[in-house]
Structure formats: C-alpha cells, structure tokens
Amino acid sequence: MSILKIPGVAIAILIGLGLALFGGKKGIADIPLF
C-alpha cells in the first residue's frame, strides 16, 4: 500500500474520520471545506 503516493486519499480519509469523531455533520459544518 503506497499511502504516501496518494496523499489526497489519505487526507480525505483522515478528515472524514476526524469529522465523524468530532461531531459528524456538525464537524463538517464548522470547517468550510465545501
């Protein structure tokens, strides 16, 4: 698995898990990524 070669996917997964742990939809609403 070359995670280092795919930073976009790794970052997306980390952000998704992070937001889910910190409040799911509320976490996404707090961070203006979209």
C-alpha atoms as a PDB file:
ATOM      1  CA  MET A   1       0.000   0.000   0.000  1.00  0.00           C
ATOM      2  CA  SER A   2       1.586   3.256  -1.126  1.00  0.00           C
ATOM      3  CA  ILE A   3      -0.349   5.698   1.032  1.00  0.00           C
ATOM      4  CA  LEU A   4       2.430   8.283   0.722  1.00  0.00           C
ATOM      5  CA  LYS A   5       1.927   8.298  -3.046  1.00  0.00           C
ATOM      6  CA  ILE A   6      -1.775   9.070  -2.582  1.00  0.00           C
ATOM      7  CA  PRO A   7      -1.895  11.966  -0.058  1.00  0.00           C
ATOM      8  CA  GLY A   8      -5.296  13.101  -1.315  1.00  0.00           C
ATOM      9  CA  VAL A   9      -6.958   9.807  -0.385  1.00  0.00           C
ATOM     10  CA  ALA A  10      -5.135   9.607   2.943  1.00  0.00           C
ATOM     11  CA  ILE A  11      -6.076  13.186   3.829  1.00  0.00           C
ATOM     12  CA  ALA A  12      -9.692  12.603   2.791  1.00  0.00           C
ATOM     13  CA  ILE A  13      -9.916   9.505   4.990  1.00  0.00           C
ATOM     14  CA  LEU A  14      -8.270  11.248   7.955  1.00  0.00           C
ATOM     15  CA  ILE A  15     -10.551  14.275   7.600  1.00  0.00           C
ATOM     16  CA  GLY A  16     -13.630  12.054   7.262  1.00  0.00           C
ATOM     17  CA  LEU A  17     -12.756  10.027  10.356  1.00  0.00           C
ATOM     18  CA  GLY A  18     -11.773  13.170  12.255  1.00  0.00           C
ATOM     19  CA  LEU A  19     -15.028  14.959  11.469  1.00  0.00           C
ATOM     20  CA  ALA A  20     -17.025  11.837  12.308  1.00  0.00           C
ATOM     21  CA  LEU A  21     -15.296  11.591  15.688  1.00  0.00           C
ATOM     22  CA  PHE A  22     -15.608  15.307  16.459  1.00  0.00           C
ATOM     23  CA  GLY A  23     -19.331  15.550  15.725  1.00  0.00           C
ATOM     24  CA  GLY A  24     -20.115  14.205  12.249  1.00  0.00           C
ATOM     25  CA  LYS A  25     -22.211  16.714  10.280  1.00  0.00           C
ATOM     26  CA  LYS A  26     -21.609  19.435  12.890  1.00  0.00           C
ATOM     27  CA  GLY A  27     -17.847  18.984  12.458  1.00  0.00           C
ATOM     28  CA  ILE A  28     -18.205  19.331   8.680  1.00  0.00           C
ATOM     29  CA  ALA A  29     -20.349  22.459   9.124  1.00  0.00           C
ATOM     30  CA  ASP A  30     -17.692  24.022  11.385  1.00  0.00           C
ATOM     31  CA  ILE A  31     -14.992  23.545   8.731  1.00  0.00           C
ATOM     32  CA  PRO A  32     -15.634  25.497   5.481  1.00  0.00           C
ATOM     33  CA  LEU A  33     -14.204  22.890   3.094  1.00  0.00           C
ATOM     34  CA  PHE A  34     -17.258  22.719   0.835  1.00  0.00           C
END
